[in-house]
C-alpha cells in the first residue's frame, strides 16, 4: 500500500475504501446506496488494486453477483443486483 505522510486526500480515499468494501463494494454506506451497484465499483477498481490486494474480494463478489442475478429461465437482470422486480434481459 502507498504511504504518504500528511496527505488528507489519500487518507480519505483509504477510509472510503475501507468503509465501502466490507461485504460487497458499495457507493455510500451511510445513505441508501448500499446495494453494491457495479458502476462506481468499475471506476474505482484500479485505485482499489493500487491500495490493497483486492483480487479475491472481487472474484467472490463478481461470481456471487452473476449467480444471484440470473433468473431461472437463464435471463439476467437488467441491473445488478436484481431487486426482485423481475426485469430480465435475454441470456446471451
Protein backbone atom coordinates (compact mmCIF):
# COMPACT_ATOMS: atom_id res chain seq x y z
CA UNK A 1 0.00 0.00 0.00
CA UNK A 2 1.20 3.51 -0.82
CA UNK A 3 2.14 5.57 2.22
CA UNK A 4 2.01 9.35 2.18
CA UNK A 5 2.63 11.37 5.33
CA UNK A 6 0.21 14.21 5.91
CA UNK A 7 -1.85 13.68 2.76
CA UNK A 8 -5.52 14.19 3.72
CA UNK A 9 -6.91 13.31 0.28
CA UNK A 10 -5.15 9.94 0.25
CA UNK A 11 -6.27 9.26 3.81
CA UNK A 12 -9.87 9.96 2.78
CA UNK A 13 -9.55 7.56 -0.16
CA UNK A 14 -8.26 4.79 2.12
CA UNK A 15 -11.00 5.30 4.71
CA UNK A 16 -13.63 5.48 1.96
CA UNK A 17 -12.39 2.18 0.56
CA UNK A 18 -12.40 0.56 3.99
CA UNK A 19 -15.95 1.79 4.64
CA UNK A 20 -17.28 0.69 1.26
CA UNK A 21 -15.56 -2.70 0.89
CA UNK A 22 -16.86 -4.72 3.82
CA UNK A 23 -19.03 -7.47 2.30
CA UNK A 24 -19.81 -6.08 -1.16
CA UNK A 25 -18.45 -2.92 -2.77
CA UNK A 26 -20.92 -0.12 -2.05
CA UNK A 27 -21.19 3.52 -3.09
CA UNK A 28 -22.10 5.24 0.17
CA UNK A 29 -22.65 3.07 3.26
CA UNK A 30 -24.29 5.98 5.11
CA UNK A 31 -27.07 6.53 2.53
CA UNK A 32 -29.46 4.40 0.51
CA UNK A 33 -26.75 3.41 -1.94
CA UNK A 34 -25.64 0.27 -0.16
CA UNK A 35 -26.69 -2.31 -2.73
CA UNK A 36 -23.40 -2.99 -4.45
CA UNK A 37 -24.13 -1.24 -7.76
CA UNK A 38 -21.35 -2.01 -10.18
CA UNK A 39 -20.84 1.36 -11.94
CA UNK A 40 -18.90 3.11 -9.18
CA UNK A 41 -17.04 -0.10 -8.43
CA UNK A 42 -15.89 -0.44 -12.03
CA UNK A 43 -14.49 3.09 -11.93
CA UNK A 44 -12.70 2.61 -8.59
CA UNK A 45 -11.18 -0.88 -9.10
CA UNK A 46 -7.79 0.38 -10.42
CA UNK A 47 -7.40 2.57 -7.32
CA UNK A 48 -8.55 -0.24 -5.03
CA UNK A 49 -5.98 -2.58 -6.57
CA UNK A 50 -3.27 0.02 -6.12
CA UNK A 51 -4.10 0.39 -2.43
CA UNK A 52 -4.71 -3.25 -1.46
CA UNK A 53 -4.77 -6.81 -2.79
CA UNK A 54 -8.48 -6.99 -3.70
CA UNK A 55 -8.38 -9.83 -6.26
CA UNK A 56 -10.11 -12.47 -4.12
CA UNK A 57 -12.63 -9.92 -2.80
CA UNK A 58 -13.72 -9.01 -6.34
CA UNK A 59 -13.61 -12.58 -7.62
CA UNK A 60 -16.04 -13.67 -4.90
CA UNK A 61 -18.21 -10.59 -5.41
CA UNK A 62 -18.50 -10.97 -9.19
CA UNK A 63 -19.24 -14.70 -9.07
CA UNK A 64 -21.95 -14.09 -6.47
CA UNK A 65 -23.31 -11.14 -8.45
CA UNK A 66 -23.63 -13.27 -11.58
CA UNK A 67 -25.18 -16.22 -9.75
CA UNK A 68 -27.68 -14.05 -7.88
CA UNK A 69 -28.65 -12.01 -10.95
CA UNK A 70 -29.53 -14.93 -13.23
CA UNK A 71 -33.19 -15.90 -13.38
CA UNK A 72 -34.50 -19.46 -13.58
CA UNK A 73 -35.13 -19.11 -17.34
CA UNK A 74 -31.47 -18.22 -17.96
CA UNK A 75 -32.02 -14.49 -18.44
CA UNK A 76 -30.15 -11.89 -16.43
CA UNK A 77 -31.49 -8.87 -14.63
CA UNK A 78 -31.15 -5.57 -16.45
CA UNK A 79 -29.46 -4.16 -13.35
CA UNK A 80 -27.43 -5.99 -10.77
CA UNK A 81 -28.06 -6.68 -8.02
CA UNK A 82 -31.61 -7.55 -9.04
CA UNK A 83 -34.07 -6.18 -6.52
CA UNK A 84 -36.70 -8.75 -7.36
CA UNK A 85 -38.58 -6.61 -9.86
CA UNK A 86 -38.28 -9.37 -12.45
CA UNK A 87 -36.62 -7.19 -15.06
CA UNK A 88 -34.51 -9.56 -17.11
CA UNK A 89 -32.72 -9.34 -20.41
CA UNK A 90 -32.07 -12.25 -22.67
CA UNK A 91 -29.30 -14.67 -21.79
CA UNK A 92 -26.55 -14.32 -24.36
